[in-house]
């Protein structure tokens, strides 16, 4: 059973948009879908590509985003602040 194209397009779109965290996330789902449908070789190709994807991952922008969210939700010094 083939995977619907919209399911496998998410990782490609994330790569095109230079959204590595989203590409990793979408790739995880894609591997799961391939394994669930018996497409082991397709899943293996993605798994083999993970080191290259991970080499482009920079957690710092994600950390800055989370910090911004935290400060927006808890102005001041955080949850125990004024």
C-alpha atoms as a PDB file:
ATOM      1  CA  UNK A   1       0.000   0.000   0.000  1.00  0.00           C
ATOM      2  CA  UNK A   2       1.611   3.313  -1.043  1.00  0.00           C
ATOM      3  CA  UNK A   3       1.833   6.276   1.300  1.00  0.00           C
ATOM      4  CA  UNK A   4      -0.281   9.276   0.187  1.00  0.00           C
ATOM      5  CA  UNK A   5       1.974  11.944  -1.406  1.00  0.00           C
ATOM      6  CA  UNK A   6       0.806  14.600   1.052  1.00  0.00           C
ATOM      7  CA  UNK A   7       2.246  12.504   3.887  1.00  0.00           C
ATOM      8  CA  UNK A   8       5.694  12.302   2.313  1.00  0.00           C
ATOM      9  CA  UNK A   9       5.708  15.887   1.104  1.00  0.00           C
ATOM     10  CA  UNK A  10       6.071  17.399   4.572  1.00  0.00           C
ATOM     11  CA  UNK A  11       9.749  16.467   4.983  1.00  0.00           C
ATOM     12  CA  UNK A  12      10.584  17.747   1.494  1.00  0.00           C
ATOM     13  CA  UNK A  13       8.748  21.022   2.158  1.00  0.00           C
ATOM     14  CA  UNK A  14      10.536  21.463   5.487  1.00  0.00           C
ATOM     15  CA  UNK A  15      13.900  20.866   3.798  1.00  0.00           C
ATOM     16  CA  UNK A  16      13.055  23.375   1.071  1.00  0.00           C
ATOM     17  CA  UNK A  17      12.109  25.951   3.739  1.00  0.00           C
ATOM     18  CA  UNK A  18      15.283  25.242   5.744  1.00  0.00           C
ATOM     19  CA  UNK A  19      13.230  24.054   8.730  1.00  0.00           C
ATOM     20  CA  UNK A  20      15.476  21.228   9.899  1.00  0.00           C
ATOM     21  CA  UNK A  21      13.596  20.478  13.124  1.00  0.00           C
ATOM     22  CA  UNK A  22      10.381  20.091  11.130  1.00  0.00           C
ATOM     23  CA  UNK A  23      12.195  17.959   8.561  1.00  0.00           C
ATOM     24  CA  UNK A  24      13.373  15.606  11.320  1.00  0.00           C
ATOM     25  CA  UNK A  25       9.862  15.472  12.772  1.00  0.00           C
ATOM     26  CA  UNK A  26       8.250  14.744   9.403  1.00  0.00           C
ATOM     27  CA  UNK A  27      10.897  12.140   8.590  1.00  0.00           C
ATOM     28  CA  UNK A  28      10.051  10.305  11.795  1.00  0.00           C
ATOM     29  CA  UNK A  29       6.412  10.032  10.751  1.00  0.00           C
ATOM     30  CA  UNK A  30       7.412   9.051   7.238  1.00  0.00           C
ATOM     31  CA  UNK A  31       9.589   6.179   8.491  1.00  0.00           C
ATOM     32  CA  UNK A  32       6.752   4.982  10.703  1.00  0.00           C
ATOM     33  CA  UNK A  33       4.308   5.073   7.782  1.00  0.00           C
ATOM     34  CA  UNK A  34       6.675   3.162   5.521  1.00  0.00           C
ATOM     35  CA  UNK A  35       7.287   0.506   8.169  1.00  0.00           C
ATOM     36  CA  UNK A  36       3.565   0.138   8.828  1.00  0.00           C
ATOM     37  CA  UNK A  37       2.976  -0.536   5.140  1.00  0.00           C
ATOM     38  CA  UNK A  38       5.853  -2.973   4.705  1.00  0.00           C
ATOM     39  CA  UNK A  39       8.054  -0.581   2.727  1.00  0.00           C
ATOM     40  CA  UNK A  40      11.202  -1.369   4.669  1.00  0.00           C
ATOM     41  CA  UNK A  41      13.623  -0.239   1.955  1.00  0.00           C
ATOM     42  CA  UNK A  42      11.957   3.197   1.709  1.00  0.00           C
ATOM     43  CA  UNK A  43      12.153   3.515   5.503  1.00  0.00           C
ATOM     44  CA  UNK A  44      15.829   2.493   5.430  1.00  0.00           C
ATOM     45  CA  UNK A  45      16.630   5.236   2.884  1.00  0.00           C
ATOM     46  CA  UNK A  46      15.224   7.848   5.243  1.00  0.00           C
ATOM     47  CA  UNK A  47      17.015   6.413   8.266  1.00  0.00           C
ATOM     48  CA  UNK A  48      20.266   6.450   6.287  1.00  0.00           C
ATOM     49  CA  UNK A  49      19.699  10.139   5.463  1.00  0.00           C
ATOM     50  CA  UNK A  50      19.250  11.166   9.109  1.00  0.00           C
ATOM     51  CA  UNK A  51      22.924  11.903   9.844  1.00  0.00           C
ATOM     52  CA  UNK A  52      22.965  14.473   7.013  1.00  0.00           C
ATOM     53  CA  UNK A  53      19.722  16.051   8.229  1.00  0.00           C
ATOM     54  CA  UNK A  54      20.917  16.086  11.844  1.00  0.00           C
ATOM     55  CA  UNK A  55      24.176  17.759  10.794  1.00  0.00           C
ATOM     56  CA  UNK A  56      22.107  20.786   9.689  1.00  0.00           C
ATOM     57  CA  UNK A  57      20.140  20.958  12.944  1.00  0.00           C
ATOM     58  CA  UNK A  58      20.904  23.924  15.186  1.00  0.00           C
ATOM     59  CA  UNK A  59      19.004  23.776  18.483  1.00  0.00           C
ATOM     60  CA  UNK A  60      19.877  27.378  19.379  1.00  0.00           C
ATOM     61  CA  UNK A  61      17.081  29.013  17.337  1.00  0.00           C
ATOM     62  CA  UNK A  62      14.591  26.617  18.954  1.00  0.00           C
ATOM     63  CA  UNK A  63      15.932  27.534  22.388  1.00  0.00           C
ATOM     64  CA  UNK A  64      15.549  31.219  21.632  1.00  0.00           C
ATOM     65  CA  UNK A  65      11.985  30.632  20.476  1.00  0.00           C
ATOM     66  CA  UNK A  66      11.161  28.761  23.681  1.00  0.00           C
ATOM     67  CA  UNK A  67      12.786  31.501  25.772  1.00  0.00           C
ATOM     68  CA  UNK A  68      10.678  34.096  23.992  1.00  0.00           C
ATOM     69  CA  UNK A  69       7.531  32.077  24.647  1.00  0.00           C
ATOM     70  CA  UNK A  70       8.487  31.636  28.304  1.00  0.00           C
ATOM     71  CA  UNK A  71       9.090  35.347  28.818  1.00  0.00           C
ATOM     72  CA  UNK A  72       5.822  36.194  27.082  1.00  0.00           C
ATOM     73  CA  UNK A  73       3.872  33.819  29.311  1.00  0.00           C
ATOM     74  CA  UNK A  74       5.694  34.780  32.525  1.00  0.00           C
ATOM     75  CA  UNK A  75       6.873  38.387  32.380  1.00  0.00           C
ATOM     76  CA  UNK A  76       9.343  39.488  35.016  1.00  0.00           C
ATOM     77  CA  UNK A  77      11.480  36.796  36.545  1.00  0.00           C
ATOM     78  CA  UNK A  78       9.366  33.824  35.497  1.00  0.00           C
ATOM     79  CA  UNK A  79       6.566  31.962  37.233  1.00  0.00           C
ATOM     80  CA  UNK A  80       7.655  33.148  40.706  1.00  0.00           C
ATOM     81  CA  UNK A  81       8.283  36.721  39.537  1.00  0.00           C
ATOM     82  CA  UNK A  82       6.162  39.830  40.169  1.00  0.00           C
END
